[in-house]
N, C-alpha and C. Protein backbone atom coordinates (compact mmCIF):
# COMPACT_ATOMS: atom_id res chain seq x y z
N MET A 1 90.12 40.32 158.30
CA MET A 1 90.57 39.59 159.48
C MET A 1 91.97 40.07 159.84
N SER A 2 92.13 40.58 161.06
CA SER A 2 93.40 41.12 161.50
C SER A 2 94.46 40.03 161.51
N GLY A 3 95.62 40.36 160.98
CA GLY A 3 96.72 39.41 160.99
C GLY A 3 96.64 38.35 159.92
N SER A 4 95.66 38.44 159.04
CA SER A 4 95.51 37.43 157.99
C SER A 4 96.56 37.64 156.91
N GLU A 5 96.84 36.59 156.17
CA GLU A 5 97.84 36.64 155.11
C GLU A 5 97.28 37.39 153.90
N PRO A 6 97.98 38.39 153.38
CA PRO A 6 97.49 39.13 152.21
C PRO A 6 97.63 38.28 150.95
N LEU A 7 96.67 38.43 150.03
CA LEU A 7 96.75 37.70 148.78
C LEU A 7 97.92 38.20 147.94
N ILE A 8 98.09 39.53 147.90
CA ILE A 8 99.21 40.14 147.18
C ILE A 8 100.17 40.71 148.22
N PRO A 9 101.25 40.03 148.51
CA PRO A 9 102.19 40.49 149.54
C PRO A 9 103.03 41.65 149.03
N LEU A 10 103.78 42.24 149.94
CA LEU A 10 104.70 43.28 149.53
C LEU A 10 105.68 42.71 148.50
N HIS A 11 105.94 43.48 147.47
CA HIS A 11 106.83 43.00 146.42
C HIS A 11 107.58 44.18 145.82
N GLY A 12 108.45 43.91 144.89
CA GLY A 12 109.29 44.98 144.35
C GLY A 12 110.38 45.29 145.37
N GLY A 13 110.68 46.54 145.54
CA GLY A 13 111.71 46.92 146.49
C GLY A 13 113.10 46.45 146.10
N TYR A 14 113.26 46.14 144.83
CA TYR A 14 114.54 45.58 144.38
C TYR A 14 115.70 46.56 144.52
N ARG A 15 115.40 47.85 144.53
CA ARG A 15 116.48 48.83 144.63
C ARG A 15 117.19 48.75 145.98
N LYS A 16 116.53 48.16 146.95
CA LYS A 16 117.15 48.01 148.27
C LYS A 16 117.96 46.72 148.38
N LEU A 17 117.83 45.84 147.38
CA LEU A 17 118.58 44.59 147.41
C LEU A 17 120.06 44.86 147.13
N LYS A 18 120.93 44.32 147.97
CA LYS A 18 122.36 44.50 147.77
C LYS A 18 122.80 43.88 146.45
N SER A 19 122.17 42.76 146.08
CA SER A 19 122.52 42.11 144.81
C SER A 19 122.23 43.04 143.64
N PHE A 20 121.11 43.74 143.69
CA PHE A 20 120.76 44.68 142.62
C PHE A 20 121.74 45.84 142.58
N GLN A 21 122.09 46.37 143.73
CA GLN A 21 122.99 47.52 143.80
C GLN A 21 124.37 47.18 143.22
N VAL A 22 124.90 46.01 143.58
CA VAL A 22 126.22 45.63 143.07
C VAL A 22 126.14 45.31 141.58
N ALA A 23 125.07 44.62 141.15
CA ALA A 23 124.90 44.31 139.73
C ALA A 23 124.79 45.58 138.90
N GLN A 24 124.10 46.57 139.43
CA GLN A 24 123.97 47.84 138.71
C GLN A 24 125.32 48.55 138.61
N LEU A 25 126.11 48.46 139.67
CA LEU A 25 127.45 49.03 139.62
C LEU A 25 128.30 48.32 138.56
N VAL A 26 128.19 47.00 138.51
CA VAL A 26 128.91 46.22 137.49
C VAL A 26 128.49 46.67 136.10
N TYR A 27 127.20 46.90 135.90
CA TYR A 27 126.70 47.35 134.60
C TYR A 27 127.30 48.70 134.22
N ASP A 28 127.27 49.65 135.16
CA ASP A 28 127.80 50.99 134.88
C ASP A 28 129.29 50.94 134.54
N VAL A 29 130.04 50.15 135.31
CA VAL A 29 131.48 50.05 135.06
C VAL A 29 131.75 49.33 133.74
N THR A 30 130.94 48.34 133.42
CA THR A 30 131.13 47.60 132.18
C THR A 30 130.91 48.49 130.95
N VAL A 31 129.92 49.36 131.01
CA VAL A 31 129.68 50.29 129.90
C VAL A 31 130.93 51.14 129.65
N ARG A 32 131.54 51.61 130.73
CA ARG A 32 132.77 52.39 130.58
C ARG A 32 133.91 51.52 130.06
N PHE A 33 134.01 50.33 130.60
CA PHE A 33 135.12 49.45 130.25
C PHE A 33 135.14 49.15 128.76
N VAL A 34 133.99 48.75 128.22
CA VAL A 34 133.97 48.38 126.80
C VAL A 34 134.22 49.59 125.91
N GLU A 35 133.79 50.77 126.35
CA GLU A 35 134.05 51.97 125.56
C GLU A 35 135.54 52.25 125.48
N ALA A 36 136.26 51.88 126.53
CA ALA A 36 137.69 52.15 126.57
C ALA A 36 138.53 51.07 125.93
N TYR A 37 138.13 49.81 126.08
CA TYR A 37 139.04 48.72 125.76
C TYR A 37 138.56 47.69 124.76
N ILE A 38 137.29 47.72 124.39
CA ILE A 38 136.78 46.73 123.43
C ILE A 38 136.45 47.44 122.12
N ASP A 39 136.92 46.87 121.02
CA ASP A 39 136.69 47.47 119.72
C ASP A 39 135.20 47.72 119.49
N ARG A 40 134.88 48.89 118.98
CA ARG A 40 133.49 49.29 118.81
C ARG A 40 132.73 48.39 117.85
N PHE A 41 133.44 47.71 116.96
CA PHE A 41 132.79 46.83 115.99
C PHE A 41 132.77 45.37 116.44
N SER A 42 133.28 45.11 117.62
CA SER A 42 133.33 43.75 118.14
C SER A 42 131.99 43.33 118.74
N ARG A 43 131.57 42.11 118.44
CA ARG A 43 130.34 41.59 119.05
C ARG A 43 130.49 41.45 120.56
N THR A 44 131.71 41.23 120.99
CA THR A 44 131.96 41.07 122.42
C THR A 44 131.53 42.31 123.19
N ARG A 45 131.72 43.46 122.59
CA ARG A 45 131.34 44.72 123.23
C ARG A 45 129.86 44.73 123.59
N ASP A 46 129.02 44.43 122.60
CA ASP A 46 127.58 44.41 122.83
C ASP A 46 127.18 43.28 123.78
N GLN A 47 127.83 42.14 123.65
CA GLN A 47 127.49 41.00 124.48
C GLN A 47 127.80 41.27 125.95
N MET A 48 128.91 41.94 126.22
CA MET A 48 129.25 42.25 127.60
C MET A 48 128.25 43.21 128.22
N VAL A 49 127.88 44.22 127.46
CA VAL A 49 126.91 45.20 127.96
C VAL A 49 125.56 44.52 128.18
N GLN A 50 125.15 43.67 127.25
CA GLN A 50 123.86 43.00 127.38
C GLN A 50 123.85 42.03 128.56
N ALA A 51 124.96 41.34 128.78
CA ALA A 51 125.03 40.41 129.91
C ALA A 51 124.93 41.18 131.23
N ALA A 52 125.63 42.31 131.30
CA ALA A 52 125.59 43.13 132.51
C ALA A 52 124.18 43.69 132.73
N ARG A 53 123.57 44.14 131.65
CA ARG A 53 122.20 44.68 131.74
C ARG A 53 121.21 43.59 132.15
N SER A 54 121.38 42.40 131.60
CA SER A 54 120.49 41.29 131.92
C SER A 54 120.54 40.97 133.41
N GLY A 55 121.73 41.04 133.99
CA GLY A 55 121.84 40.79 135.42
C GLY A 55 120.98 41.76 136.22
N VAL A 56 121.04 43.03 135.87
CA VAL A 56 120.28 44.06 136.58
C VAL A 56 118.78 43.90 136.33
N GLN A 57 118.41 43.79 135.06
CA GLN A 57 116.99 43.78 134.70
C GLN A 57 116.26 42.56 135.26
N ASN A 58 116.91 41.41 135.26
CA ASN A 58 116.23 40.21 135.74
C ASN A 58 116.06 40.19 137.26
N ILE A 59 116.98 40.80 137.97
CA ILE A 59 116.78 40.95 139.42
C ILE A 59 115.55 41.81 139.67
N ALA A 60 115.46 42.92 138.94
CA ALA A 60 114.33 43.84 139.12
C ALA A 60 113.01 43.18 138.73
N GLU A 61 112.99 42.53 137.57
CA GLU A 61 111.75 41.89 137.10
C GLU A 61 111.32 40.77 138.03
N GLY A 62 112.29 40.00 138.51
CA GLY A 62 111.96 38.92 139.42
C GLY A 62 111.36 39.44 140.71
N SER A 63 111.93 40.51 141.24
CA SER A 63 111.42 41.11 142.47
C SER A 63 110.00 41.63 142.28
N GLN A 64 109.73 42.21 141.12
CA GLN A 64 108.41 42.77 140.85
C GLN A 64 107.36 41.68 140.66
N THR A 65 107.73 40.58 140.01
CA THR A 65 106.76 39.51 139.76
C THR A 65 106.53 38.61 140.97
N SER A 66 107.28 38.83 142.03
CA SER A 66 107.15 37.97 143.22
C SER A 66 105.77 38.06 143.84
N ALA A 67 105.02 39.11 143.51
CA ALA A 67 103.68 39.27 144.06
C ALA A 67 102.77 38.11 143.67
N THR A 68 102.90 37.63 142.45
CA THR A 68 101.99 36.59 141.97
C THR A 68 102.70 35.31 141.53
N SER A 69 104.03 35.32 141.52
CA SER A 69 104.72 34.11 141.09
C SER A 69 106.11 34.01 141.71
N LYS A 70 106.20 33.27 142.78
CA LYS A 70 107.51 33.02 143.39
C LYS A 70 108.37 32.17 142.47
N LYS A 71 107.72 31.32 141.70
CA LYS A 71 108.45 30.47 140.76
C LYS A 71 109.16 31.32 139.71
N THR A 72 108.44 32.33 139.20
CA THR A 72 109.04 33.21 138.21
C THR A 72 110.15 34.05 138.82
N GLU A 73 109.95 34.50 140.05
CA GLU A 73 110.99 35.27 140.74
C GLU A 73 112.26 34.45 140.86
N LEU A 74 112.11 33.20 141.25
CA LEU A 74 113.25 32.31 141.40
C LEU A 74 113.95 32.10 140.05
N LYS A 75 113.14 31.88 139.02
CA LYS A 75 113.70 31.64 137.68
C LYS A 75 114.47 32.86 137.18
N LEU A 76 113.90 34.05 137.32
CA LEU A 76 114.54 35.26 136.82
C LEU A 76 115.80 35.60 137.62
N THR A 77 115.78 35.31 138.91
CA THR A 77 116.98 35.54 139.71
C THR A 77 118.10 34.62 139.26
N GLN A 78 117.75 33.41 138.90
CA GLN A 78 118.74 32.47 138.37
C GLN A 78 119.26 32.93 137.01
N VAL A 79 118.38 33.52 136.19
CA VAL A 79 118.81 34.06 134.90
C VAL A 79 119.81 35.19 135.12
N ALA A 80 119.53 36.05 136.10
CA ALA A 80 120.44 37.14 136.42
C ALA A 80 121.81 36.58 136.81
N ARG A 81 121.79 35.54 137.64
CA ARG A 81 123.05 34.92 138.08
C ARG A 81 123.82 34.34 136.88
N ALA A 82 123.10 33.70 135.96
CA ALA A 82 123.74 33.12 134.78
C ALA A 82 124.33 34.21 133.88
N SER A 83 123.64 35.33 133.76
CA SER A 83 124.13 36.43 132.92
C SER A 83 125.43 36.99 133.47
N LEU A 84 125.52 37.11 134.79
CA LEU A 84 126.74 37.63 135.39
C LEU A 84 127.88 36.63 135.28
N GLU A 85 127.56 35.35 135.29
CA GLU A 85 128.59 34.33 135.08
C GLU A 85 129.16 34.45 133.66
N GLU A 86 128.29 34.69 132.70
CA GLU A 86 128.73 34.89 131.31
C GLU A 86 129.65 36.10 131.22
N LEU A 87 129.27 37.17 131.90
CA LEU A 87 130.08 38.39 131.89
C LEU A 87 131.44 38.14 132.54
N LYS A 88 131.44 37.35 133.60
CA LYS A 88 132.69 37.02 134.28
C LYS A 88 133.67 36.35 133.31
N LEU A 89 133.16 35.44 132.50
CA LEU A 89 134.01 34.75 131.53
C LEU A 89 134.59 35.72 130.50
N ASP A 90 133.80 36.72 130.12
CA ASP A 90 134.30 37.71 129.16
C ASP A 90 135.48 38.49 129.74
N TYR A 91 135.38 38.88 131.01
CA TYR A 91 136.49 39.60 131.64
C TYR A 91 137.71 38.70 131.81
N GLU A 92 137.48 37.44 132.15
CA GLU A 92 138.59 36.50 132.27
C GLU A 92 139.28 36.30 130.92
N ASP A 93 138.48 36.23 129.86
CA ASP A 93 139.04 36.10 128.51
C ASP A 93 139.85 37.33 128.13
N PHE A 94 139.35 38.49 128.51
CA PHE A 94 140.04 39.75 128.23
C PHE A 94 141.46 39.70 128.80
N LEU A 95 141.57 39.27 130.05
CA LEU A 95 142.87 39.19 130.69
C LEU A 95 143.75 38.13 130.04
N ARG A 96 143.19 36.96 129.83
CA ARG A 96 143.96 35.84 129.29
C ARG A 96 144.48 36.15 127.88
N GLN A 97 143.65 36.72 127.05
CA GLN A 97 144.05 36.98 125.67
C GLN A 97 145.09 38.08 125.54
N ARG A 98 145.23 38.90 126.58
CA ARG A 98 146.21 39.98 126.55
C ARG A 98 147.41 39.71 127.44
N GLY A 99 147.46 38.51 127.98
CA GLY A 99 148.60 38.14 128.81
C GLY A 99 148.65 38.88 130.13
N LEU A 100 147.49 39.30 130.63
CA LEU A 100 147.42 40.00 131.91
C LEU A 100 146.98 39.02 133.00
N ALA A 101 147.57 39.14 134.15
CA ALA A 101 147.30 38.20 135.23
C ALA A 101 145.94 38.45 135.87
N GLN A 102 145.25 37.37 136.18
CA GLN A 102 144.01 37.47 136.95
C GLN A 102 144.35 37.34 138.43
N TRP A 103 143.82 38.24 139.24
CA TRP A 103 144.13 38.22 140.66
C TRP A 103 143.63 36.93 141.30
N GLN A 104 144.48 36.32 142.09
CA GLN A 104 144.09 35.13 142.83
C GLN A 104 143.29 35.52 144.07
N ARG A 105 142.64 34.55 144.64
CA ARG A 105 141.75 34.82 145.77
C ARG A 105 142.46 35.52 146.92
N GLU A 106 143.76 35.18 147.12
CA GLU A 106 144.49 35.73 148.26
C GLU A 106 145.07 37.11 148.00
N ASN A 107 144.90 37.65 146.79
CA ASN A 107 145.42 38.97 146.47
C ASN A 107 144.76 40.02 147.37
N PRO A 108 145.55 40.79 148.13
CA PRO A 108 144.97 41.76 149.07
C PRO A 108 144.17 42.86 148.40
N LEU A 109 144.41 43.10 147.12
CA LEU A 109 143.64 44.14 146.42
C LEU A 109 142.16 43.78 146.32
N ARG A 110 141.86 42.50 146.30
CA ARG A 110 140.46 42.08 146.23
C ARG A 110 139.69 42.58 147.45
N GLN A 111 140.24 42.32 148.62
CA GLN A 111 139.57 42.76 149.85
C GLN A 111 139.61 44.27 149.99
N GLU A 112 140.68 44.89 149.50
CA GLU A 112 140.78 46.35 149.55
C GLU A 112 139.64 46.99 148.78
N LEU A 113 139.34 46.45 147.61
CA LEU A 113 138.25 47.00 146.81
C LEU A 113 136.90 46.76 147.48
N VAL A 114 136.70 45.57 148.02
CA VAL A 114 135.45 45.27 148.72
C VAL A 114 135.26 46.23 149.88
N ASP A 115 136.32 46.46 150.64
CA ASP A 115 136.24 47.35 151.80
C ASP A 115 135.99 48.80 151.41
N ARG A 116 136.36 49.16 150.20
CA ARG A 116 136.14 50.54 149.73
C ARG A 116 134.65 50.83 149.58
N ARG A 117 133.84 49.82 149.35
CA ARG A 117 132.38 49.98 149.22
C ARG A 117 132.02 51.05 148.19
N CYS A 118 132.54 50.88 147.00
CA CYS A 118 132.27 51.84 145.92
C CYS A 118 130.78 51.91 145.62
N GLN A 119 130.31 53.12 145.43
CA GLN A 119 128.89 53.33 145.14
C GLN A 119 128.63 53.69 143.69
N SER A 120 129.66 54.03 142.96
CA SER A 120 129.47 54.47 141.57
C SER A 120 130.66 54.06 140.72
N ALA A 121 130.50 54.18 139.40
CA ALA A 121 131.58 53.89 138.48
C ALA A 121 132.74 54.84 138.70
N ASP A 122 132.45 56.08 139.08
CA ASP A 122 133.51 57.03 139.39
C ASP A 122 134.35 56.55 140.57
N ASP A 123 133.69 56.00 141.59
CA ASP A 123 134.41 55.49 142.76
C ASP A 123 135.37 54.37 142.35
N VAL A 124 134.89 53.48 141.49
CA VAL A 124 135.73 52.37 141.03
C VAL A 124 136.89 52.91 140.21
N ALA A 125 136.63 53.89 139.34
CA ALA A 125 137.69 54.47 138.51
C ALA A 125 138.77 55.11 139.37
N ARG A 126 138.34 55.79 140.42
CA ARG A 126 139.32 56.43 141.31
C ARG A 126 140.19 55.38 142.00
N TRP A 127 139.56 54.31 142.45
CA TRP A 127 140.32 53.26 143.13
C TRP A 127 141.32 52.62 142.17
N VAL A 128 140.89 52.33 140.95
CA VAL A 128 141.78 51.74 139.95
C VAL A 128 142.97 52.67 139.70
N ALA A 129 142.69 53.97 139.60
CA ALA A 129 143.76 54.94 139.37
C ALA A 129 144.74 54.95 140.54
N GLU A 130 144.21 54.87 141.76
CA GLU A 130 145.07 54.85 142.95
C GLU A 130 146.01 53.65 142.92
N VAL A 131 145.46 52.49 142.59
CA VAL A 131 146.27 51.28 142.53
C VAL A 131 147.32 51.41 141.44
N GLY A 132 146.93 51.95 140.29
CA GLY A 132 147.87 52.13 139.19
C GLY A 132 149.00 53.07 139.56
N LYS A 133 148.68 54.14 140.25
CA LYS A 133 149.71 55.10 140.67
C LYS A 133 150.65 54.47 141.68
N ARG A 134 150.12 53.64 142.56
CA ARG A 134 150.98 52.95 143.52
C ARG A 134 151.94 52.01 142.80
N GLU A 135 151.43 51.39 141.73
CA GLU A 135 152.27 50.49 140.94
C GLU A 135 153.44 51.24 140.34
N VAL A 136 153.14 52.40 139.74
CA VAL A 136 154.19 53.18 139.10
C VAL A 136 155.16 53.73 140.14
N ALA A 137 154.59 54.28 141.23
CA ALA A 137 155.44 54.86 142.27
C ALA A 137 156.35 53.82 142.92
N GLY A 138 155.84 52.59 143.01
CA GLY A 138 156.62 51.54 143.64
C GLY A 138 157.59 50.88 142.70
N GLY A 139 157.56 51.31 141.42
CA GLY A 139 158.46 50.72 140.44
C GLY A 139 158.21 49.26 140.21
N LEU A 140 156.91 48.87 140.25
CA LEU A 140 156.57 47.46 140.17
C LEU A 140 156.49 46.97 138.73
N GLY A 141 156.52 47.91 137.80
CA GLY A 141 156.49 47.51 136.39
C GLY A 141 155.27 46.69 136.07
N GLY A 142 155.48 45.43 135.71
CA GLY A 142 154.37 44.58 135.28
C GLY A 142 153.83 43.70 136.38
N HIS A 143 153.89 44.15 137.63
CA HIS A 143 153.46 43.30 138.74
C HIS A 143 152.01 42.85 138.58
N TRP A 144 151.16 43.76 138.08
CA TRP A 144 149.74 43.39 137.95
C TRP A 144 149.47 42.69 136.63
N GLY A 145 150.43 42.76 135.72
CA GLY A 145 150.27 42.07 134.45
C GLY A 145 151.40 41.07 134.29
N GLN A 146 151.70 40.72 133.08
CA GLN A 146 152.77 39.78 132.83
C GLN A 146 153.70 40.37 131.79
N GLY A 147 154.94 39.96 131.84
CA GLY A 147 155.90 40.42 130.84
C GLY A 147 156.58 41.71 131.19
N GLY A 148 156.31 42.26 132.42
CA GLY A 148 157.01 43.45 132.87
C GLY A 148 156.61 44.71 132.15
N GLN A 149 155.45 44.73 131.51
CA GLN A 149 155.03 45.91 130.78
C GLN A 149 154.02 46.71 131.60
N SER A 150 154.17 48.03 131.57
CA SER A 150 153.21 48.89 132.26
C SER A 150 151.95 48.99 131.43
N GLU A 151 150.81 49.01 132.10
CA GLU A 151 149.53 49.07 131.38
C GLU A 151 148.87 50.40 131.67
N VAL A 152 149.18 51.41 130.86
CA VAL A 152 148.69 52.76 131.10
C VAL A 152 147.92 53.25 129.89
N ASP A 153 146.78 53.87 130.16
CA ASP A 153 145.99 54.47 129.08
C ASP A 153 145.56 55.84 129.57
N ASP A 154 146.03 56.89 128.91
CA ASP A 154 145.71 58.25 129.33
C ASP A 154 144.47 58.81 128.63
N THR A 155 143.78 57.98 127.86
CA THR A 155 142.76 58.53 126.97
C THR A 155 141.33 58.38 127.48
N LEU A 156 141.12 57.67 128.57
CA LEU A 156 139.76 57.35 128.95
C LEU A 156 139.04 58.54 129.54
N SER A 157 137.97 58.95 128.90
CA SER A 157 137.06 59.96 129.44
C SER A 157 135.68 59.34 129.45
N PRO A 158 135.24 58.79 130.58
CA PRO A 158 133.99 58.04 130.63
C PRO A 158 132.82 58.83 130.07
N ALA A 159 132.17 58.27 129.07
CA ALA A 159 131.04 58.94 128.43
C ALA A 159 129.72 58.36 128.88
N SER A 160 129.77 57.34 129.75
CA SER A 160 128.54 56.66 130.12
C SER A 160 127.80 57.35 131.25
N THR A 161 128.45 58.32 131.90
CA THR A 161 127.77 59.07 132.95
C THR A 161 128.02 60.55 132.70
N LYS A 162 127.44 61.39 133.52
CA LYS A 162 127.62 62.82 133.37
C LYS A 162 128.97 63.28 133.93
N SER A 163 129.66 62.38 134.58
CA SER A 163 130.94 62.73 135.19
C SER A 163 131.94 63.15 134.13
N THR A 164 132.77 64.14 134.47
CA THR A 164 133.83 64.56 133.58
C THR A 164 135.17 63.98 134.03
N LEU A 165 135.10 63.03 134.96
CA LEU A 165 136.31 62.43 135.50
C LEU A 165 137.16 61.83 134.37
N THR A 166 138.38 62.27 134.27
CA THR A 166 139.34 61.70 133.34
C THR A 166 140.47 61.13 134.17
N THR A 167 140.80 59.88 133.98
CA THR A 167 141.80 59.26 134.83
C THR A 167 142.61 58.25 134.05
N LYS A 168 143.80 57.95 134.55
CA LYS A 168 144.60 56.89 133.97
C LYS A 168 143.98 55.56 134.36
N ILE A 169 143.64 54.77 133.40
CA ILE A 169 143.04 53.48 133.66
C ILE A 169 143.99 52.39 133.19
N TYR A 170 144.18 51.40 133.98
CA TYR A 170 145.04 50.28 133.66
C TYR A 170 144.15 49.09 133.33
N PRO A 171 144.20 48.57 132.11
CA PRO A 171 143.25 47.54 131.70
C PRO A 171 143.25 46.30 132.58
N GLY A 172 144.43 45.84 133.01
CA GLY A 172 144.47 44.65 133.86
C GLY A 172 143.85 44.90 135.21
N ILE A 173 144.16 46.05 135.80
CA ILE A 173 143.59 46.39 137.10
C ILE A 173 142.09 46.61 136.98
N ALA A 174 141.69 47.31 135.91
CA ALA A 174 140.27 47.59 135.71
C ALA A 174 139.47 46.29 135.54
N ALA A 175 139.96 45.38 134.70
CA ALA A 175 139.26 44.12 134.48
C ALA A 175 139.18 43.30 135.77
N ASN A 176 140.27 43.26 136.51
CA ASN A 176 140.26 42.53 137.77
C ASN A 176 139.32 43.15 138.79
N ALA A 177 139.23 44.48 138.77
CA ALA A 177 138.32 45.15 139.69
C ALA A 177 136.88 44.74 139.43
N VAL A 178 136.51 44.67 138.15
CA VAL A 178 135.15 44.26 137.81
C VAL A 178 134.92 42.80 138.21
N LEU A 179 135.94 41.97 138.04
CA LEU A 179 135.81 40.58 138.46
C LEU A 179 135.57 40.46 139.96
N VAL A 180 136.18 41.33 140.73
CA VAL A 180 135.93 41.34 142.18
C VAL A 180 134.47 41.70 142.45
N LEU A 181 133.99 42.74 141.79
CA LEU A 181 132.59 43.15 141.97
C LEU A 181 131.64 42.05 141.51
N LEU A 182 131.98 41.37 140.44
CA LEU A 182 131.16 40.26 139.95
C LEU A 182 131.13 39.12 140.96
N ALA A 183 132.25 38.85 141.59
CA ALA A 183 132.29 37.79 142.60
C ALA A 183 131.36 38.12 143.76
N VAL A 184 131.32 39.38 144.15
CA VAL A 184 130.42 39.82 145.22
C VAL A 184 128.96 39.66 144.78
N ALA A 185 128.65 40.15 143.58
CA ALA A 185 127.28 40.06 143.07
C ALA A 185 126.82 38.62 142.94
N CYS A 186 127.69 37.76 142.43
CA CYS A 186 127.32 36.35 142.25
C CYS A 186 127.10 35.65 143.59
N ALA A 187 127.94 35.97 144.57
CA ALA A 187 127.78 35.38 145.90
C ALA A 187 126.44 35.81 146.52
N LEU A 188 126.10 37.08 146.34
CA LEU A 188 124.83 37.59 146.86
C LEU A 188 123.65 36.90 146.17
N LEU A 189 123.75 36.72 144.86
CA LEU A 189 122.67 36.07 144.12
C LEU A 189 122.55 34.59 144.48
N ASP A 190 123.67 33.94 144.73
CA ASP A 190 123.62 32.53 145.15
C ASP A 190 122.83 32.40 146.45
N ARG A 191 123.09 33.30 147.39
CA ARG A 191 122.35 33.27 148.66
C ARG A 191 120.89 33.63 148.44
N GLN A 192 120.64 34.56 147.54
CA GLN A 192 119.26 34.97 147.25
C GLN A 192 118.47 33.83 146.63
N VAL A 193 119.08 33.11 145.70
CA VAL A 193 118.43 31.97 145.06
C VAL A 193 118.14 30.88 146.09
N ALA A 194 119.09 30.62 146.97
CA ALA A 194 118.90 29.59 148.01
C ALA A 194 117.76 29.97 148.93
N ARG A 195 117.67 31.24 149.28
CA ARG A 195 116.58 31.70 150.16
C ARG A 195 115.23 31.57 149.47
N LEU A 196 115.17 31.98 148.21
CA LEU A 196 113.92 31.91 147.46
C LEU A 196 113.48 30.46 147.28
N ALA A 197 114.42 29.57 147.03
CA ALA A 197 114.08 28.16 146.86
C ALA A 197 113.54 27.58 148.16
N GLU A 198 114.13 27.97 149.28
CA GLU A 198 113.66 27.49 150.58
C GLU A 198 112.26 27.99 150.88
N GLU A 199 112.01 29.27 150.57
CA GLU A 199 110.69 29.85 150.80
C GLU A 199 109.64 29.18 149.91
N PHE A 200 110.00 28.94 148.67
CA PHE A 200 109.06 28.30 147.75
C PHE A 200 108.73 26.89 148.20
N GLU A 201 109.74 26.20 148.70
CA GLU A 201 109.54 24.83 149.16
C GLU A 201 108.66 24.78 150.39
N SER A 202 108.82 25.72 151.29
CA SER A 202 108.09 25.69 152.56
C SER A 202 106.70 26.34 152.47
N LYS A 203 106.55 27.38 151.64
CA LYS A 203 105.30 28.13 151.60
C LYS A 203 104.55 27.99 150.27
N GLY A 204 105.23 27.47 149.24
CA GLY A 204 104.58 27.37 147.95
C GLY A 204 104.53 28.71 147.25
N GLY A 205 103.72 28.78 146.20
CA GLY A 205 103.61 30.00 145.41
C GLY A 205 102.25 30.64 145.54
N PHE A 206 101.82 31.33 144.47
CA PHE A 206 100.57 32.09 144.50
C PHE A 206 99.36 31.18 144.68
N THR A 207 99.36 30.03 144.03
CA THR A 207 98.22 29.11 144.13
C THR A 207 98.00 28.67 145.57
N GLU A 208 99.07 28.30 146.24
CA GLU A 208 98.97 27.88 147.64
C GLU A 208 98.53 29.04 148.53
N ARG A 209 99.03 30.23 148.25
CA ARG A 209 98.64 31.38 149.05
C ARG A 209 97.18 31.72 148.83
N LEU A 210 96.71 31.61 147.58
CA LEU A 210 95.30 31.86 147.28
C LEU A 210 94.41 30.90 148.06
N TYR A 211 94.82 29.66 148.15
CA TYR A 211 94.06 28.66 148.91
C TYR A 211 94.00 29.04 150.38
N ARG A 212 95.14 29.44 150.94
CA ARG A 212 95.18 29.79 152.36
C ARG A 212 94.32 31.02 152.64
N VAL A 213 94.37 32.02 151.75
CA VAL A 213 93.60 33.25 151.95
C VAL A 213 92.10 32.95 151.88
N ARG A 214 91.68 32.14 150.92
CA ARG A 214 90.27 31.76 150.81
C ARG A 214 89.81 31.03 152.07
N LYS A 215 90.69 30.17 152.56
CA LYS A 215 90.36 29.41 153.77
C LYS A 215 90.20 30.35 154.96
N GLN A 216 91.07 31.36 155.05
CA GLN A 216 90.96 32.34 156.13
C GLN A 216 89.64 33.13 156.02
N LYS A 217 89.29 33.51 154.80
CA LYS A 217 88.06 34.29 154.60
C LYS A 217 86.81 33.51 155.01
N ARG A 218 86.88 32.21 154.83
CA ARG A 218 85.73 31.38 155.18
C ARG A 218 85.69 31.05 156.67
N GLY A 219 86.78 31.43 157.33
CA GLY A 219 86.79 31.25 158.78
C GLY A 219 87.17 29.88 159.25
N PHE A 220 87.88 29.09 158.41
CA PHE A 220 88.35 27.78 158.86
C PHE A 220 89.65 27.42 158.14
């Protein structure tokens, strides 16, 4: 029947979701971050990577299972959101425990990073280096941190990608940059969850769709 509702609708396509793209960027940057700044024997290192990975994987799995279970899609998207919230706390703890300032909402660097529209961990690393160089050139000392100490690390050679980019990374700036990306990802997921909940409420799930399709096939 032309125009009839399909039993198995289009599903997947998660790679085109902005929430997935930003979450994947957070994951890639987090892998680099923990390699540079978190002790290799620390449980926090593994937990941060797993939380970042969970955000990505659950968005993908939820999108794929949407064909037969909108309820599961909604649940997994919420799990992804919760995982990124956990990761956010880890970055906030990193700053707090080292006496580094967390950027406030009105900090112009937050919007500067968003406007940069970074597509890869290399893009984020370059931006962090640019900000760090501006700090040094401007003689700002500890403006991005506390206590007037410069936060410079010349040793980071990201091993998580094929890139050979070696750059000066500033831990406070780097952690804050990821927090900005996390804020974007979480906002996108909040809207995604709200949309999925509205659709589930108005259209139901697979069982309701199966009923409608059977009804269409019978011609009434």
